[in-house]
Amino acid sequence: MHRRIITENVPVRRHAEQRGFKLSLPLTVEGPDACGRLFREETMLAYMSHVGALFPLRTPVSPGSRLKLAVALPPKLDEGRSLKLMIKGTIAFIEPGEEDDVPSQISLRLESRYFVEGGAPAAEAANPDRQV
């Protein structure tokens, strides 16, 4: 009985219940770093589901920060139109790298998604420094 009470209070990360895809697609991440300065970093998407995304990031960031991702779709999926999947979300969890030269793994809770053709939408292209 005592063991049951203890295990009920332990938070569990459940990736198995979510259906997602292990992906290795080029990704551009933009948003505020841990000091509040805007950054832009190229990395690779590792996993994505309908509720979240996972990717490595070298720039230090803070949980709860909002980031914008631009995922370049492979030619087989973009129907010859050079599509990018634009995603906005909030950092839910950060798993620090085991060593100094290993990037942190960022878990992003998705809030909005849309496709753009050949780059940023006109409104974002006109104001690239706009915060997420």
Protein backbone atom coordinates (compact mmCIF):
# COMPACT_ATOMS: atom_id res chain seq x y z
CA MET A 1 0.00 0.00 0.00
CA HIS A 2 2.76 2.45 0.85
CA ARG A 3 4.50 1.83 -2.49
CA ARG A 4 1.28 2.56 -4.39
CA ILE A 5 0.86 5.97 -2.76
CA ILE A 6 4.42 6.96 -3.64
CA THR A 7 4.20 5.91 -7.29
CA GLU A 8 0.89 7.70 -7.84
CA ASN A 9 2.55 11.02 -7.03
CA VAL A 10 5.49 10.61 -9.39
CA PRO A 11 5.04 12.48 -12.69
CA VAL A 12 5.45 10.26 -15.73
CA ARG A 13 6.35 11.39 -19.25
CA ARG A 14 4.26 9.30 -21.63
CA HIS A 15 5.47 9.41 -25.20
CA ALA A 16 4.10 5.98 -26.05
CA GLU A 17 0.47 7.14 -25.83
CA GLN A 18 1.01 9.90 -28.37
CA ARG A 19 1.22 9.01 -32.01
CA GLY A 20 4.04 10.83 -33.67
CA PHE A 21 6.93 10.48 -36.04
CA LYS A 22 10.67 10.29 -35.59
CA LEU A 23 11.84 12.76 -38.21
CA SER A 24 15.14 14.18 -39.32
CA LEU A 25 14.19 17.37 -41.14
CA PRO A 26 16.02 20.72 -41.31
CA LEU A 27 14.58 23.18 -38.82
CA THR A 28 15.05 26.89 -38.09
CA VAL A 29 14.24 28.00 -34.53
CA GLU A 30 13.58 31.63 -33.58
CA GLY A 31 12.67 33.25 -30.28
CA PRO A 32 14.10 34.69 -27.08
CA ASP A 33 17.13 33.09 -25.46
CA ALA A 34 17.51 32.68 -21.68
CA CYS A 35 18.57 36.38 -21.42
CA GLY A 36 15.64 37.64 -23.50
CA ARG A 37 17.64 38.39 -26.67
CA LEU A 38 16.19 37.15 -29.96
CA PHE A 39 18.13 34.32 -31.60
CA ARG A 40 17.92 32.21 -34.73
CA GLU A 41 19.45 28.72 -34.92
CA GLU A 42 19.53 26.00 -37.56
CA THR A 43 19.03 22.46 -36.20
CA MET A 44 17.20 19.20 -37.03
CA LEU A 45 13.74 18.09 -35.97
CA ALA A 46 13.92 14.78 -34.07
CA TYR A 47 10.27 13.93 -33.28
CA MET A 48 6.85 15.43 -33.89
CA SER A 49 3.28 14.56 -32.91
CA HIS A 50 0.01 16.48 -33.10
CA VAL A 51 0.76 18.06 -29.70
CA GLY A 52 4.52 18.50 -29.57
CA ALA A 53 7.95 18.54 -31.15
CA LEU A 54 11.41 17.53 -29.94
CA PHE A 55 14.70 18.95 -31.24
CA PRO A 56 18.27 19.73 -30.10
CA LEU A 57 19.20 23.35 -29.42
CA ARG A 58 22.56 24.87 -28.50
CA THR A 59 21.18 28.29 -27.56
CA PRO A 60 20.20 28.42 -23.85
CA VAL A 61 16.43 28.99 -23.50
CA SER A 62 13.96 29.00 -20.61
CA PRO A 63 10.90 26.78 -19.99
CA GLY A 64 7.71 28.64 -20.84
CA SER A 65 9.33 30.70 -23.61
CA ARG A 66 7.54 30.85 -26.96
CA LEU A 67 9.43 29.76 -30.05
CA LYS A 68 8.74 29.77 -33.77
CA LEU A 69 9.89 26.85 -35.91
CA ALA A 70 10.20 26.62 -39.69
CA VAL A 71 10.43 23.02 -40.93
CA ALA A 72 11.52 22.57 -44.54
CA LEU A 73 9.43 19.77 -46.04
CA PRO A 74 11.22 17.25 -48.25
CA PRO A 75 10.52 17.47 -52.02
CA LYS A 76 8.42 14.26 -51.87
CA LEU A 77 5.92 16.02 -49.59
CA ASP A 78 5.85 19.60 -50.88
CA GLU A 79 4.41 18.83 -54.33
CA GLY A 80 7.12 20.93 -56.03
CA ARG A 81 6.13 24.12 -54.20
CA SER A 82 8.99 24.46 -51.65
CA LEU A 83 6.65 24.38 -48.65
CA LYS A 84 7.63 25.07 -45.06
CA LEU A 85 5.65 24.05 -42.00
CA MET A 86 5.57 27.02 -39.61
CA ILE A 87 4.97 26.13 -35.97
CA LYS A 88 4.57 28.27 -32.87
CA GLY A 89 4.71 26.79 -29.41
CA THR A 90 5.81 27.00 -25.80
CA ILE A 91 8.80 25.22 -24.30
CA ALA A 92 7.39 22.52 -22.03
CA PHE A 93 10.58 20.74 -21.01
CA ILE A 94 14.35 21.10 -21.44
CA GLU A 95 16.66 18.12 -21.08
CA PRO A 96 20.21 19.47 -20.69
CA GLY A 97 23.00 17.90 -22.74
CA GLU A 98 25.13 15.43 -20.81
CA GLU A 99 28.32 17.29 -21.70
CA ASP A 100 29.17 20.91 -22.54
CA ASP A 101 29.39 20.27 -26.29
CA VAL A 102 26.08 18.33 -26.45
CA PRO A 103 22.99 20.49 -27.16
CA SER A 104 19.92 20.43 -24.90
CA GLN A 105 16.81 18.57 -26.08
CA ILE A 106 13.83 20.92 -26.27
CA SER A 107 10.27 19.67 -25.94
CA LEU A 108 7.85 22.18 -27.47
CA ARG A 109 4.07 22.14 -26.87
CA LEU A 110 2.50 23.14 -30.20
CA GLU A 111 0.02 26.01 -30.30
CA SER A 112 -0.40 26.79 -34.00
CA ARG A 113 0.69 25.35 -37.35
CA TYR A 114 0.42 26.53 -40.92
CA PHE A 115 2.18 26.10 -44.28
CA VAL A 116 3.92 28.79 -46.29
CA GLU A 117 5.27 28.56 -49.80
CA GLY A 118 8.90 29.47 -50.46
CA GLY A 119 9.55 31.27 -47.16
CA ALA A 120 7.80 33.53 -44.68
CA PRO A 121 4.28 34.92 -45.18
CA ALA A 122 4.11 38.53 -46.37
CA ALA A 123 3.23 39.91 -42.91
CA GLU A 124 6.24 38.21 -41.31
CA ALA A 125 8.56 39.11 -44.18
CA ALA A 126 7.68 42.77 -43.67
CA ASN A 127 8.50 42.55 -39.93
CA PRO A 128 11.13 39.81 -39.38
CA ASP A 129 12.08 41.08 -35.88
CA ARG A 130 8.54 40.69 -34.56
CA GLN A 131 8.42 38.53 -31.43
CA VAL A 132 6.66 35.18 -31.52
